[in-house]
Amino acid sequence: MKKSTLWRGAFWLSLGALISKSIGAIYRIFLPRILGDYGVGLFQMAYPLYALLLAVSVNGIPTALSKETAEKLSHHDIKSAEQLAAWAQIFLSGIGLVMAVMLEFLAPWVARYVFHEPEATLSIRALAPALAFVASEASLRGYFQGYQEMAPTAISQILEQVSRVAVMFPLALMWLPKGTAWAAAGATVGAPVGAMIGMLFLLGARLKRRRWVLYRPIPWAQLRQLFLVAMPMSLSGLLFPLMFLADSMFVPEQLVKTGLSLRQATAQFGRLSGEAMPLINLTMVVGAALAVSLVPAIAQAMAENDRQLAAKRVNLAVHMIWLLGLPMAGGLIVLAKPLTRLLYGESGAMRALQVLAVGSAVLAIQQVLGSSLQASGHGWIPVKNLLFGAFAKFVLTWWLTPLPALGIRGAAIGTVGASVVTAWLNWKDWSNIVHPLESPWKDAMWPFVGTIVMVMGIQTWMRFCHIPGIIGPVVSAIGVGIAIYFVLMAALGELNVLKALRE
C-alpha cells in the first residue's frame, strides 16, 4: 500500500461525509418547520430501529470485507478476493430483502408496543424498503474499501443524500394535509430512494471493473470466515443503535416524570435526536473517515507483523481528531443558541447540543480506537468496552433525565459518559495488547488551549459585532474563530501533523 493511501482515503471519505451531511443539514433545518417537533419525533422514532436491524444484518460486513480483501490483496490473491466479494454481495442482498419484508409487516406492532406511539407506523413502513438497498450498498462499499478506493463510497454518499432531500420535501408537503403522521412518513420515503440511488451507482462502478464473476464453487469457508470476522463488528455497530433505540423507548417516558405531556416529551426527544445530534455528527466526520480508512491499513500492517507502524497510524489519527474536533466542539458550545435559532427557527435544542459537544471529540476517538482493535484481530474487545459504555449511558440517562433541572440534558450527559468510558477502555486495551500508544492527553493540550482562546475571541466578537440579523453574526463569528485557531496552531507547530500524515 502506498504511504499516502490511508490519508487519501480518509480525505475522500471526509469530503464525501462533509458534503452529504451538509446537504442533509438542509432537511434538518427545514423539516422541523414543516413537521413541527412532534412530526420530527415521529420521523426520528423509526431510525433507531432501522439502524438496529442494519447492525444485526449487514453493518459489520463492509469493515470485515475490506479487512479480508486487503489481506488477500497483500498476498496478491486477486481471484479469491473477487470471489469472496461477489458471493458476499449476493447473500447480503438476500438478507436485506428479508429484513425489509419483515419490518413492513411488523410495523404496526412495533409502533404500538415498542415505541408506544401508534402514529409512528407509517414512518416505519416507509423506511422498511431501505433495508434491502442499504444491504447491497454496504457490501459494495466494503469491496471498494478493501482495494483502498474510497472515492466510490464518498460519491455514493453524496448521491444518496441529494436524492433523499430531493424526495422527502415534496412528499412531506404533499401528504401534510393528511396529517402529521403522513407528512413524517413522506419525509421518511427519502431514505429508501436515496439508498437505491447510492446502491445503483456503486453497482455500476463495480460492473465497470469487469471482474464481477460468481466463481464456483461457492466459497463457504471464506464466507464463514467473513461472517465470523463481521460478527463482533456487527455487535459493536449494534450497541450504538441499541442505545439510541433505548433512548427513543424510555427517554420520553422519563421526561413525562418532569411534568411534560407525552406529546411534549416526544418533541423534546425530537430536539435531541433530530436537531442536536446531526450537528454533533458533523464534528465527527474526520473521525468516522479515519476509522474506516484505518481498517485495511492496520490489517495490512498487522499481517506484516509491523505493530509499531499500526500504533503510529493510530496515534496520528487521534492527534488529527483532537486538532480538528476540539475547535468544532468549542464552536458549537459558544454558538449553540444563535446556531440553533438560525437553523431551526428556535433554540430549544441549545442546552442538549452544548452537553453533547463536550464529548464529541472523545466519541470520534472511541470510533477510531474501536476500528483499530477490530482491524488488529481483536474484534471482541470493542464489543466488551461498548457494553460498559452502554451500561454507563443507561444508568446516567435513567437517573438524570427525570430531574426537572436537567430533563433532556440528562440523556445527553448519558451519551457523553458512554463515549468517555468506551474510549478510555479502548485506548487501554490497545496499549496493553497490541502496542503502547502515546497518552491521548499529550496531543490534546495545545488544541485545547487554542480552542479556549478561540472561544474567547468568538465571545468577544459576538458581544461587539453590530452586523444585523442572525446569519451575518454567526457566519462572521465562525470565520473569526477559524482564523484565530489556525494562526495559533501554526505558531505552536501543531499543523506539522499534516506533514506527518503524508510520510
Foldseek 3Di string as FASTA:
>chain_A
DALLLLVVLLVLLLVLVLLLLVLVLQCLQCVCVLLPLLLLLLLVLLPLVVLLLCLVQAPLQLLLLLLVLLVCVVVPNNLVNLQLLLVQLVVLLVSLVVQLVVQLVCLQVCCCPQLVHNLSSLQNNLQSLLSNLVSNLSSLNSSCVSVSRNNLVSVLSNQLSVQLVVFLVVQLVVCPVVHSSRSSSSSSNSNSRSSNSSSVSSVVVVVVVVSNDNDDDRPPVVNVVSVVLSVLVSLLSNLVSVLVNVCSRCLLVLLVLLVDDSSVSSSLNSLLPSPQVSLLVSLLSSLVSSLSSLQSVLLSCVVVVNLVVSQVSLQLSLLVLLQRNLLSLLLCQLCQALVCCVRHVGRSSSLLNNLLSVQSSLLSNLSNLQSSCSSNPNSNQLSVQLVVLSVQLVVQLSPPQNPNVQHPSSNSNSNSSSSNSSNVSSQVVCCVPRNNHDDSVVSNVQSNVLSVVLSVQLVVCLVPPPDDDRVVSSVVSVVSSVVSSVVSCVVVVSVCSVVVSND
